[in-house]
Protein backbone atom coordinates (compact mmCIF):
# COMPACT_ATOMS: atom_id res chain seq x y z
CA MET A 1 -13.29 32.12 6.21
CA LEU A 2 -11.01 30.98 8.42
CA ILE A 3 -12.56 29.24 11.84
CA GLU A 4 -9.74 27.66 14.31
CA GLY A 5 -11.55 24.78 15.84
CA ILE A 6 -15.21 22.85 15.66
CA ALA A 7 -16.97 24.90 17.68
CA GLY A 8 -20.51 25.31 16.39
CA LEU A 9 -19.44 22.55 13.29
CA ALA A 10 -22.62 20.30 13.90
CA ASP A 11 -24.74 23.12 12.90
CA ARG A 12 -22.78 23.45 9.95
CA LYS A 13 -24.15 21.86 6.22
CA ALA A 14 -22.52 22.43 2.92
CA PRO A 15 -23.53 21.08 -0.50
CA VAL A 16 -19.99 19.90 -0.69
CA THR A 17 -17.42 18.47 2.56
CA ILE A 18 -13.76 18.04 1.89
CA ILE A 19 -11.60 16.74 4.46
CA GLY A 20 -8.05 18.05 3.51
CA SER A 21 -6.08 21.11 2.70
CA GLY A 22 -3.57 19.92 0.60
CA PRO A 23 -2.79 22.05 -2.73
CA VAL A 24 -5.37 19.79 -4.23
CA GLY A 25 -8.37 19.86 -1.68
CA LEU A 26 -7.50 23.73 -1.74
CA ALA A 27 -7.52 23.98 -5.17
CA LEU A 28 -11.29 22.21 -5.45
CA ALA A 29 -12.49 24.43 -2.34
CA VAL A 30 -11.23 27.45 -4.14
CA ASP A 31 -13.01 26.20 -8.01
CA LEU A 32 -16.41 25.56 -5.92
CA ALA A 33 -16.35 28.58 -3.95
CA ARG A 34 -15.83 31.23 -7.08
CA ARG A 35 -18.71 29.71 -8.54
CA LYS A 36 -21.21 30.21 -5.38
CA ILE A 37 -21.37 26.80 -4.31
CA PRO A 38 -21.01 26.43 -0.33
CA VAL A 39 -18.17 24.61 0.77
CA LEU A 40 -16.99 23.30 4.13
CA LEU A 41 -13.31 21.82 4.00
CA LEU A 42 -11.70 20.67 7.03
CA GLU A 43 -7.89 20.74 8.16
CA SER A 44 -6.31 18.87 10.86
CA GLY A 45 -3.72 20.85 11.57
CA GLU A 46 -3.21 24.28 12.41
CA THR A 47 -2.06 27.41 10.17
CA ASN A 48 1.21 26.39 11.18
CA ALA A 49 3.08 23.14 12.58
CA ASN A 50 2.85 21.67 15.39
CA ASP A 51 4.15 18.75 16.41
CA THR A 52 1.59 17.08 18.70
CA ILE A 53 -0.99 17.13 15.51
CA GLN A 54 1.83 15.91 13.17
CA GLN A 55 2.15 13.08 15.90
CA LEU A 56 -1.25 11.59 14.60
CA SER A 57 0.15 10.68 11.25
CA HIS A 58 2.68 8.42 12.89
CA ALA A 59 2.61 5.35 11.17
CA ARG A 60 4.89 2.13 10.97
CA LEU A 61 7.22 1.45 8.35
CA THR A 62 8.48 -2.47 7.29
CA ASP A 63 11.24 -1.32 5.80
CA ALA A 64 12.83 2.31 7.02
CA ARG A 65 15.33 2.11 4.22
CA ARG A 66 12.70 2.03 1.48
CA HIS A 67 10.30 5.06 2.48
CA ASP A 68 10.51 8.60 3.93
CA ASP A 69 9.89 9.29 7.39
CA MET A 70 6.51 10.85 8.18
CA SER A 71 7.63 13.70 9.31
CA VAL A 72 8.76 14.45 5.56
CA ALA A 73 6.12 12.38 3.94
CA VAL A 74 2.69 14.15 5.67
CA ALA A 75 2.35 17.61 6.73
CA ARG A 76 -0.93 18.36 9.16
CA ARG A 77 -1.35 21.95 8.76
CA LEU A 78 -3.07 24.26 6.47
CA GLY A 79 -1.41 23.89 3.21
CA GLY A 80 -0.84 20.11 3.76
CA ALA A 81 1.90 18.47 1.81
CA SER A 82 2.38 21.91 -0.07
CA ASN A 83 4.61 22.80 3.00
CA LEU A 84 7.15 20.34 2.10
CA TRP A 85 7.33 19.99 -1.55
CA GLY A 86 9.58 21.19 -4.08
CA ALA A 87 6.86 22.56 -6.22
CA ARG A 88 7.79 21.09 -9.27
CA CYS A 89 4.78 21.15 -11.48
CA ILE A 90 4.82 18.43 -14.29
CA PRO A 91 1.49 16.68 -16.16
CA PHE A 92 1.37 13.16 -16.76
CA ASP A 93 2.88 12.34 -20.39
CA HIS A 94 0.52 10.85 -22.82
CA VAL A 95 1.97 7.29 -22.19
CA ASP A 96 1.16 7.44 -18.71
CA PHE A 97 -2.56 7.20 -19.88
CA ARG A 98 -2.36 4.13 -22.37
CA PRO A 99 -2.39 0.37 -21.52
CA ARG A 100 0.96 -0.82 -21.44
CA ASP A 101 1.22 -4.84 -21.55
CA PHE A 102 4.15 -4.89 -19.48
CA ILE A 103 2.43 -2.77 -16.42
CA ASP A 104 -0.23 -4.18 -14.38
CA ALA A 105 -2.76 -0.89 -14.58
CA ARG A 106 -5.34 0.81 -16.46
CA TRP A 107 -6.72 4.08 -16.41
CA PRO A 108 -10.12 4.57 -17.01
CA ILE A 109 -10.05 8.08 -18.80
CA ASP A 110 -7.25 8.87 -21.51
CA ALA A 111 -5.04 11.83 -22.10
CA GLU A 112 -7.22 14.09 -23.70
CA VAL A 113 -9.91 13.90 -20.94
CA LEU A 114 -7.45 16.34 -18.81
CA ALA A 115 -6.45 18.13 -21.73
CA PRO A 116 -8.56 21.65 -20.77
CA TYR A 117 -7.47 21.62 -17.42
CA TRP A 118 -3.63 21.72 -17.05
CA GLN A 119 -3.57 25.24 -17.22
CA ARG A 120 -6.35 25.62 -14.53
CA ALA A 121 -4.19 23.38 -12.48
CA LEU A 122 -1.30 25.88 -13.05
CA ASP A 123 -3.19 28.66 -12.43
CA SER A 124 -4.10 27.17 -9.13
CA THR A 125 -1.21 26.36 -8.24
CA LYS A 126 0.78 29.62 -9.63
CA ALA A 127 3.01 27.80 -12.20
CA GLY A 128 2.94 29.87 -15.23
CA ALA A 129 2.02 28.23 -18.81
CA ASN A 130 0.76 25.01 -20.31
CA VAL A 131 4.26 24.89 -22.03
CA PHE A 132 6.35 21.78 -21.65
CA ALA A 133 8.61 21.63 -24.38
CA ALA A 134 11.03 24.24 -25.27
CA ASP A 135 10.77 27.09 -28.00
CA THR A 136 13.92 25.77 -29.88
CA PRO A 137 15.78 22.29 -30.26
CA LEU A 138 18.57 21.77 -28.74
CA CYS A 139 19.82 19.32 -31.40
CA PRO A 140 18.11 19.69 -34.77
CA GLY A 141 17.63 16.81 -36.65
CA ALA A 142 19.25 14.55 -33.58
CA ASP A 143 17.43 10.50 -33.50
CA PRO A 144 13.92 11.14 -32.10
CA SER A 145 14.33 8.15 -29.35
CA PHE A 146 15.44 10.48 -27.06
CA SER A 147 14.44 14.06 -26.51
CA PRO A 148 16.61 17.14 -24.54
CA ASP A 149 13.42 19.29 -25.09
CA THR A 150 10.43 18.68 -22.44
CA LEU A 151 10.48 20.91 -19.87
CA GLU A 152 9.56 20.71 -16.10
CA ARG A 153 8.40 23.76 -14.18
CA TRP A 154 7.96 25.19 -10.86
CA ALA A 155 5.23 26.76 -9.01
CA ASN A 156 6.46 31.10 -8.07
CA VAL A 157 4.47 30.01 -4.85
CA GLN A 158 5.27 27.20 -2.80
CA ALA A 159 2.81 26.94 -0.38
CA ALA A 160 -1.23 26.52 -1.19
CA GLN A 161 -2.34 28.42 1.79
CA ASN A 162 -0.25 31.18 0.16
CA VAL A 163 -1.12 30.66 -2.94
CA HIS A 164 -5.46 30.86 -2.26
CA ALA A 165 -5.16 33.41 0.44
CA GLU A 166 -7.27 35.58 -0.64
CA ALA A 167 -10.42 33.10 -0.60
CA ILE A 168 -9.62 32.10 2.47
CA ARG A 169 -9.25 35.14 3.88
CA SER A 170 -12.60 36.47 2.32
CA ASP A 171 -14.65 34.52 0.16
CA PRO A 172 -18.35 33.93 1.89
CA HIS A 173 -18.71 30.42 0.33
CA LEU A 174 -15.72 28.47 1.85
CA GLU A 175 -15.15 28.36 5.30
CA VAL A 176 -11.82 26.89 6.24
CA ARG A 177 -11.61 24.56 9.68
CA THR A 178 -8.41 24.04 11.40
CA GLN A 179 -8.02 21.82 14.69
CA ALA A 180 -10.72 19.31 12.46
CA THR A 181 -9.58 15.89 12.40
CA VAL A 182 -11.54 13.66 10.64
CA VAL A 183 -11.77 10.37 12.54
CA GLY A 184 -14.44 8.19 10.64
CA PHE A 185 -17.62 8.16 8.43
CA ASN A 186 -21.30 7.00 8.76
CA LEU A 187 -22.92 5.28 6.27
CA GLY A 188 -27.02 5.33 5.96
CA GLU A 189 -29.33 2.06 4.94
CA ASP A 190 -28.62 2.88 1.46
CA GLY A 191 -24.71 2.79 1.27
CA ARG A 192 -24.55 6.33 1.02
CA ALA A 193 -22.38 8.75 3.58
CA THR A 194 -24.37 10.14 6.14
CA SER A 195 -22.49 12.18 8.42
CA ILE A 196 -18.76 12.27 9.28
CA GLU A 197 -17.09 12.00 12.62
CA VAL A 198 -14.78 15.54 13.65
CA ALA A 199 -12.71 15.35 16.48
CA HIS A 200 -10.64 18.36 17.80
CA SER A 201 -7.28 17.92 17.02
CA LEU A 202 -5.83 19.14 20.79
CA THR A 203 -8.46 18.36 22.96
CA GLY A 204 -10.28 15.23 21.27
CA GLU A 205 -13.76 16.74 21.95
CA ARG A 206 -16.04 15.37 19.20
CA VAL A 207 -19.10 16.54 17.01
CA THR A 208 -20.80 14.44 14.02
CA LEU A 209 -21.37 16.88 10.79
CA PRO A 210 -23.82 15.81 8.40
CA VAL A 211 -23.04 15.80 4.63
CA GLU A 212 -23.97 15.71 1.11
CA ARG A 213 -21.03 14.83 -0.78
CA LEU A 214 -17.49 14.15 0.63
CA VAL A 215 -14.20 14.51 -0.65
CA ILE A 216 -11.29 13.11 0.95
CA ALA A 217 -8.41 14.90 0.13
CA ALA A 218 -6.19 13.99 2.82
CA GLY A 219 -3.08 13.24 0.72
CA GLY A 220 -2.67 9.64 -0.21
CA LEU A 221 -1.81 8.13 2.85
CA GLU A 222 -3.84 9.49 5.09
CA THR A 223 -6.81 8.92 2.61
CA THR A 224 -6.19 5.20 2.48
CA ARG A 225 -6.04 5.27 6.22
CA LEU A 226 -9.36 6.70 6.60
CA LEU A 227 -11.02 4.44 3.61
CA LEU A 228 -9.27 1.66 5.93
CA ALA A 229 -10.69 2.19 9.17
CA THR A 230 -13.82 2.41 7.33
CA GLN A 231 -13.94 -1.07 5.51
CA GLN A 232 -12.55 -2.26 9.09
CA ARG A 233 -16.17 -1.30 10.18
CA HIS A 234 -17.62 -2.51 6.81
CA PRO A 235 -15.36 -5.23 5.77
CA ALA A 236 -17.46 -5.56 2.29
CA LEU A 237 -17.04 -2.01 1.17
CA PHE A 238 -13.64 -1.37 -1.47
CA GLY A 239 -13.40 -4.91 -2.76
CA GLY A 240 -13.01 -6.51 0.37
CA LYS A 241 -9.94 -7.41 2.50
CA ASP A 242 -8.39 -8.71 -0.88
CA GLY A 243 -9.64 -5.66 -2.95
CA PRO A 244 -7.19 -2.95 -4.50
CA LEU A 245 -7.62 -0.23 -1.33
CA GLY A 246 -3.87 -0.44 -0.38
CA ARG A 247 -2.49 -1.94 -2.52
CA TYR A 248 -0.26 -1.22 -5.54
CA TYR A 249 1.85 1.61 -3.51
CA MET A 250 4.16 3.56 -5.86
CA GLY A 251 6.48 6.49 -5.42
CA HIS A 252 9.48 6.90 -8.02
CA LEU A 253 12.57 5.62 -8.42
CA ILE A 254 15.43 7.98 -7.65
CA GLY A 255 18.86 8.57 -7.72
CA GLU A 256 22.29 8.48 -9.73
CA ILE A 257 24.63 6.04 -11.27
CA ALA A 258 26.53 7.78 -13.49
CA ASP A 259 27.71 10.99 -14.84
CA ILE A 260 26.98 12.64 -17.91
CA VAL A 261 29.82 14.29 -19.97
CA PHE A 262 28.55 17.24 -21.99
CA ALA A 263 30.85 17.70 -25.55
CA SER A 264 30.59 21.25 -24.78
CA THR A 265 29.87 23.91 -22.30
CA ASP A 266 26.85 25.11 -23.93
CA LEU A 267 25.11 22.21 -23.57
CA GLY A 268 25.71 21.64 -20.16
CA ARG A 269 24.32 25.93 -19.91
CA ALA A 270 20.94 24.29 -21.50
CA PHE A 271 20.05 22.67 -18.43
CA ASP A 272 20.33 25.38 -15.60
CA PHE A 273 17.28 26.74 -14.70
CA MET A 274 15.69 29.55 -16.42
CA VAL A 275 12.40 31.76 -16.47
CA ASP A 276 10.76 31.56 -19.37
CA LYS A 277 8.33 34.02 -21.36
CA HIS A 278 5.56 32.83 -19.12
CA GLY A 279 7.20 34.05 -15.94
CA THR A 280 8.54 30.79 -14.32
CA TYR A 281 11.46 28.80 -13.94
CA VAL A 282 11.87 25.97 -16.31
CA ARG A 283 14.66 23.20 -16.83
CA ARG A 284 15.28 20.51 -19.98
CA ARG A 285 15.27 17.09 -19.19
CA LEU A 286 16.44 14.00 -21.21
CA ILE A 287 13.70 11.44 -21.27
CA PRO A 288 13.29 8.75 -24.06
CA THR A 289 10.04 9.40 -26.03
CA GLU A 290 6.70 7.08 -26.32
CA ALA A 291 8.11 5.33 -29.26
CA THR A 292 11.32 4.05 -27.20
CA GLN A 293 9.02 3.34 -23.97
CA ILE A 294 7.12 0.71 -25.96
CA GLU A 295 9.22 -0.58 -28.21
CA HIS A 296 11.73 -1.79 -25.29
CA GLU A 297 9.05 -1.61 -22.29
CA LEU A 298 10.32 0.96 -20.41
CA LEU A 299 9.26 2.81 -17.71
CA ASN A 300 8.76 5.93 -17.87
CA CYS A 301 12.01 8.01 -16.93
CA ALA A 302 13.42 11.83 -16.71
CA PHE A 303 16.64 12.66 -16.37
CA TRP A 304 18.49 16.19 -15.51
CA PRO A 305 22.36 17.06 -14.82
CA VAL A 306 23.09 18.04 -11.62
CA VAL A 307 26.52 19.05 -9.45
CA ALA A 308 28.29 16.84 -7.78
CA PRO A 309 27.52 15.15 -4.55
CA VAL A 310 27.92 18.33 -1.92
CA ALA A 311 28.56 15.98 0.60
CA ASP A 312 32.13 15.42 -0.39
CA PRO A 313 34.49 17.64 0.13
CA ALA A 314 36.94 16.12 -2.99
CA HIS A 315 34.81 18.31 -5.38
CA ARG A 316 36.98 21.17 -3.87
CA SER A 317 34.07 23.39 -5.18
CA ALA A 318 33.45 26.64 -2.31
CA ILE A 319 30.26 27.29 -3.67
CA LEU A 320 28.81 23.19 -2.95
CA SER A 321 31.08 23.33 0.49
CA MET A 322 29.34 26.41 1.42
CA VAL A 323 25.91 24.35 0.29
CA TYR A 324 26.54 21.76 2.31
CA LEU A 325 26.95 23.17 5.38
CA ALA A 326 23.89 25.52 4.72
CA LEU A 327 21.93 22.58 4.44
CA ALA A 328 23.54 20.79 7.26
CA VAL A 329 21.99 23.52 9.60
CA GLY A 330 18.73 21.67 9.69
CA PRO A 331 16.45 24.75 10.63
CA PHE A 332 18.40 27.13 7.82
CA GLY A 333 18.59 23.96 5.62
CA ARG A 334 14.82 23.42 5.46
CA LEU A 335 14.53 26.88 3.85
CA LEU A 336 16.55 26.46 0.79
CA VAL A 337 15.20 23.30 -0.08
CA ALA A 338 12.36 20.28 0.60
CA GLU A 339 13.60 18.67 3.40
CA ALA A 340 13.21 14.88 1.78
CA ILE A 341 15.75 16.99 -0.70
CA ARG A 342 18.21 18.12 2.11
CA ARG A 343 17.91 14.56 4.05
CA ARG A 344 18.89 12.97 0.40
CA HIS A 345 22.02 15.34 0.38
CA ILE A 346 22.91 15.56 3.79
CA PRO A 347 23.98 12.44 6.47
CA ASP A 348 22.36 12.09 9.74
CA GLU A 349 25.55 13.03 10.96
CA PRO A 350 27.71 15.91 9.02
CA LYS A 351 30.69 15.18 8.62
CA GLN A 352 34.42 16.54 7.43
CA ILE A 353 33.30 20.33 8.31
CA LEU A 354 36.92 21.20 8.47
CA ARG A 355 37.30 20.13 4.62
CA HIS A 356 34.46 21.74 3.53
CA ILE A 357 34.99 25.14 5.56
CA ALA A 358 38.68 24.71 3.78
CA ASN A 359 36.81 24.50 0.66
CA VAL A 360 34.94 27.97 1.27
CA VAL A 361 37.75 29.74 2.78
CA THR A 362 39.87 28.86 -0.33
CA GLY A 363 37.25 30.34 -2.71
CA MET A 364 35.57 32.58 -0.43
CA PRO A 365 34.92 35.61 -2.56
CA GLN A 366 33.13 32.86 -5.62
CA ALA A 367 31.22 31.38 -2.62
CA ILE A 368 29.84 35.03 -1.49
CA ILE A 369 29.27 35.89 -4.97
CA PHE A 370 26.95 32.49 -5.48
CA ALA A 371 25.02 33.14 -1.99
CA THR A 372 24.09 36.66 -2.40
CA LYS A 373 22.46 35.76 -6.00
CA PHE A 374 21.12 32.68 -4.88
CA LEU A 375 19.24 34.27 -1.63
CA TYR A 376 18.29 37.16 -4.09
CA ARG A 377 16.81 35.00 -6.88
CA ARG A 378 14.80 32.85 -4.72
CA TYR A 379 13.45 35.05 -1.81
CA PHE A 380 13.01 38.03 -3.67
CA ARG A 381 11.96 37.62 -7.22
CA PRO A 382 8.37 36.83 -7.87
CA GLU A 383 10.05 33.59 -10.20
CA ARG A 384 11.04 31.68 -7.04
CA LEU A 385 14.44 29.89 -8.01
CA PRO A 386 13.94 26.37 -7.10
CA GLY A 387 17.46 25.31 -6.52
CA PHE A 388 20.78 25.77 -7.73
CA PHE A 389 23.18 24.40 -10.70
CA VAL A 390 26.44 25.09 -10.79
CA LEU A 391 28.38 24.73 -14.11
CA ASN A 392 32.14 23.18 -14.61
CA ALA A 393 34.64 23.52 -16.77
CA ALA A 394 34.69 19.27 -17.54
CA ASN A 395 31.56 19.71 -18.20
CA ARG A 396 30.77 16.67 -16.19
CA TYR A 397 27.32 16.41 -13.95
CA GLY A 398 25.75 14.02 -12.10
CA LEU A 399 23.13 12.04 -14.10
CA PHE A 400 19.88 12.10 -11.58
CA PHE A 401 17.00 9.82 -12.47
CA HIS A 402 13.54 9.94 -11.80
CA SER A 403 11.62 7.03 -12.55
CA GLU A 404 8.15 5.32 -12.91
CA GLN A 405 7.89 2.66 -10.61
CA ALA A 406 5.68 -0.25 -11.65
CA PRO A 407 2.74 -1.24 -9.44
CA LYS A 408 3.02 -4.45 -7.69
CA PRO A 409 0.29 -5.57 -5.77
CA THR A 410 2.98 -6.38 -2.71
CA SER A 411 3.59 -2.90 -2.24
CA ARG A 412 1.34 -2.00 0.36
CA VAL A 413 -0.03 -0.05 3.23
CA TRP A 414 -2.55 -1.66 5.92
CA LEU A 415 -3.77 -0.82 9.48
CA ASN A 416 -1.49 -2.14 11.87
CA GLY A 417 -3.36 -2.84 14.86
CA ASP A 418 -2.14 0.55 16.67
CA VAL A 419 -4.41 3.73 17.55
CA ASP A 420 -3.39 7.22 17.73
CA ARG A 421 -4.94 9.12 20.48
CA LEU A 422 -7.72 10.21 19.03
CA GLY A 423 -8.59 6.51 18.19
CA LEU A 424 -7.71 6.26 14.56
CA PRO A 425 -6.30 2.89 13.44
CA GLU A 426 -2.59 3.72 12.53
CA LEU A 427 -0.93 2.41 9.45
CA GLU A 428 2.04 0.24 8.16
CA ILE A 429 3.86 0.80 4.97
CA ASP A 430 5.42 -1.93 2.93
CA LEU A 431 6.50 0.46 0.03
CA GLN A 432 8.53 -1.79 -2.19
CA PHE A 433 10.59 -2.02 -5.63
CA SER A 434 11.09 -4.42 -8.02
CA GLU A 435 13.03 -6.51 -10.11
CA GLN A 436 11.26 -4.55 -13.24
CA ASP A 437 11.77 -1.20 -11.62
CA ILE A 438 15.46 -1.84 -11.46
CA ASP A 439 16.05 -3.66 -14.66
CA SER A 440 14.08 -0.44 -16.41
CA VAL A 441 16.44 2.14 -15.05
CA ILE A 442 19.35 0.37 -16.38
CA ARG A 443 18.25 -0.17 -19.66
CA THR A 444 17.08 3.24 -20.11
CA HIS A 445 20.47 4.43 -19.12
CA ASP A 446 22.22 2.37 -21.73
CA LEU A 447 20.02 2.92 -24.66
CA MET A 448 20.82 7.34 -23.81
CA ASP A 449 24.17 6.49 -23.50
CA ASP A 450 24.27 4.99 -27.11
CA TRP A 451 22.02 8.19 -28.31
CA LEU A 452 24.03 10.89 -26.86
CA ARG A 453 27.05 9.16 -28.35
CA LYS A 454 25.63 9.41 -31.66
CA ALA A 455 24.09 12.84 -31.49
CA GLY A 456 27.19 14.28 -30.66
CA ILE A 457 26.01 15.37 -27.47
CA GLY A 458 27.80 13.62 -24.82
CA ARG A 459 28.56 10.47 -22.79
CA ILE A 460 27.85 8.50 -20.00
CA GLU A 461 30.23 6.89 -17.49
CA TYR A 462 28.61 5.17 -15.06
CA ARG A 463 30.23 5.38 -11.42
CA MET A 464 30.29 1.58 -10.45
CA ALA A 465 31.22 -1.70 -12.76
CA LEU A 466 27.74 -3.18 -14.65
CA GLU A 467 27.40 -5.85 -11.81
CA ASP A 468 27.19 -3.56 -9.52
CA ARG A 469 25.01 -1.05 -10.65
CA ARG A 470 21.65 -3.27 -10.03
CA ALA A 471 22.80 -3.27 -5.94
CA ALA A 472 23.47 0.73 -6.38
CA ILE A 473 19.90 1.37 -7.64
CA LEU A 474 18.25 -0.42 -4.99
CA ALA A 475 20.71 1.19 -2.73
CA GLN A 476 19.01 4.23 -3.36
CA ALA A 477 15.62 3.22 -3.51
CA SER A 478 13.33 5.01 -1.46
CA HIS A 479 10.54 7.34 -1.57
CA GLY A 480 7.03 8.04 0.32
CA THR A 481 6.44 11.80 -0.43
CA HIS A 482 3.95 11.08 -4.27
CA GLN A 483 1.55 8.23 -2.52
CA ILE A 484 0.32 7.01 -5.33
CA GLY A 485 -1.62 3.89 -6.45
CA ILE A 486 -3.25 2.95 -2.74
CA ALA A 487 -7.31 3.90 -3.59
CA ARG A 488 -6.84 4.00 -7.57
CA MET A 489 -9.09 4.54 -10.41
CA GLY A 490 -10.35 1.77 -12.37
CA THR A 491 -13.53 0.28 -14.18
CA ASP A 492 -15.00 -1.65 -11.42
CA ARG A 493 -14.88 -1.94 -7.57
CA THR A 494 -12.96 -5.33 -8.12
CA THR A 495 -9.92 -3.68 -9.61
CA ALA A 496 -10.04 -0.30 -8.30
CA VAL A 497 -11.45 2.16 -5.63
CA VAL A 498 -13.05 4.88 -7.30
CA ASP A 499 -14.51 5.36 -11.41
CA ALA A 500 -13.04 8.15 -13.52
CA ASP A 501 -15.37 10.73 -11.89
CA LEU A 502 -13.00 10.27 -8.42
CA ARG A 503 -16.52 8.67 -7.06
CA SER A 504 -16.08 5.45 -4.65
CA PHE A 505 -17.83 2.24 -6.18
CA ASP A 506 -19.67 1.55 -3.14
CA VAL A 507 -20.50 5.16 -1.21
CA PRO A 508 -22.26 6.82 -4.07
CA ASN A 509 -21.61 10.71 -2.63
CA LEU A 510 -18.02 9.79 -1.75
CA TYR A 511 -15.04 10.88 -3.82
CA LEU A 512 -11.36 11.05 -3.72
CA ALA A 513 -8.81 14.02 -4.61
CA THR A 514 -5.36 12.55 -3.98
CA THR A 515 -2.60 11.34 -5.40
CA ALA A 516 -3.75 7.88 -4.41
CA VAL A 517 -6.12 7.28 -7.09
CA LEU A 518 -3.10 7.38 -9.99
CA PRO A 519 -3.05 3.86 -11.33
CA THR A 520 0.71 4.45 -12.35
CA SER A 521 3.03 6.84 -11.29
CA GLY A 522 4.95 7.85 -14.73
CA GLN A 523 8.03 10.25 -14.46
CA ALA A 524 6.49 13.09 -13.80
CA ASN A 525 5.55 14.65 -9.98
CA PRO A 526 1.92 13.86 -9.28
CA THR A 527 0.21 17.05 -7.34
CA LEU A 528 -0.48 18.53 -10.84
CA THR A 529 -2.26 15.84 -12.28
CA ALA A 530 -4.27 15.19 -9.06
CA VAL A 531 -5.21 18.91 -9.32
CA ALA A 532 -6.54 18.57 -12.81
CA LEU A 533 -8.32 15.81 -11.66
CA ALA A 534 -10.08 17.60 -8.65
CA LEU A 535 -11.06 20.92 -11.45
CA ARG A 536 -12.71 18.30 -13.07
CA LEU A 537 -14.38 16.74 -10.89
CA GLY A 538 -15.52 20.76 -9.48
CA ASP A 539 -17.18 20.84 -12.96
CA ARG A 540 -19.02 17.55 -12.21
CA PHE A 541 -20.72 19.08 -9.20
CA ALA A 542 -21.40 22.52 -10.60
CA GLU A 543 -23.18 20.37 -13.51
CA GLU A 544 -25.11 18.45 -10.37
CA LEU A 545 -25.84 21.43 -8.65
CA PHE A 546 -26.68 24.24 -10.72
CA ALA A 547 -28.97 21.36 -13.13
CA PRO A 548 -32.35 22.51 -13.16
CA PRO A 549 -34.97 20.10 -11.24
CA ALA A 550 -35.90 17.26 -13.62
CA PRO A 551 -39.26 17.90 -14.46
CA VAL A 552 -42.36 16.36 -12.65
CA HIS A 553 -44.63 13.15 -14.94
CA SER A 554 -48.44 14.42 -15.00
CA SER A 555 -48.93 11.01 -13.09
CA GLN A 556 -46.04 12.59 -10.29
CA ALA A 557 -48.05 15.55 -10.18
CA ALA A 558 -51.44 13.99 -9.25
CA VAL A 559 -49.96 12.01 -6.15
CA LEU A 560 -48.73 15.35 -5.20
């Protein structure tokens, strides 16, 4: 049931209250409601984007070159950041959960703990089957230090509110409130959260809502912001001012410093998007295997071939120029790709428009055929085409990297002293990239080049001299949509905010369901892993709520 506003909210109390309606919060809420566990879910935004409400997520960026604008990183509306993402769904790898001496983080669970939850997480995101390896090896017998046979897959439905539309509309155990911004929570003498303060997102009217189990699933930055605001009133919470809360902020290093030249057209074609037998789009990636990562102390990294930079008309491609012109028109471009991706392809002021138009005119028939096929496969098929890949006769493509970022305590967020119009303190964000991050990307490229040549697959050709590669990676180092590590899980309150079950060490009935709890960033987009952890939390709640009451001993019975 979907209700707008906070009228009557003070009289509502559910066994589980969830803050945030993104893919993680909705996955947990719907899972509990299906078990007939009443859930109250609070969303700050409305069903559609509202600029006035979105402004509540304003933050100060220490270095705007390193972090996405908050309009790209956060979406205050039903469905949360799923309205912005590209819908790539990949689980974290086994190596991500392993203790690695060269990474300052330890997971409190191993990979096997989440094994039962991957398929459930994929079902909750409409992303197909728990299959992330190609059926047929691309290069049988090749040296196993790298693999071209792992898959990434995409959801067929991008927005979480559409995935769960029926449950939001009709499940009697699920109540979703929009325009309801949580601005703080209150603690009892026993340290438990007793109630939360909820403000109407537009009018500022406030109510106090009692809670039993409180789950914050408001995205990494907004979840951490709410905890920091609480810590401001209770300085000893969450490890204190020098504790882990707000530190170890990670996203991913992404970009291109080289081209990959395949030995044949068929090898290039193998990395195109394809619909697998489970009914979703998948694509091969190139990755260093776990043994290679451990031996060379590499951060986890994935690579895939991409088209030439669309903004440069020197490619002389009618298709790529047409893509550029489409993306340059903001409202239309945002229908084609996620805004964070669009901004990385398009400069603030579109340039060389006439040269792009000339390219399109020269190859008009080819461009029209491509556009027709693309739009049909993206919007009129049950399988949602996530992007485009254009083959070329030279078998030469950009080599995109998506690399793990090492956790460093100086990469962090904190309260900057300002408050929003509802009185909640605002964030300062200082996302930092380290020498370890950059060095790992360079060494992984070099090792893969050697492997490609030995396997007869192709070669890497760098776009700049060796001495310029570090600067080129740093120039592209910018993120903000993945928001990992700033409220991480662990084994004790001095190094982590929540335990293996996502329960706060300091507030026993407070849980965090967000990418912020992940201690490392891996090479994968973090959403699917956060959904899997949330569904595991749902199992814990079900065990508690459906467990029979503890037996009353005879001595207790006499007192009663």
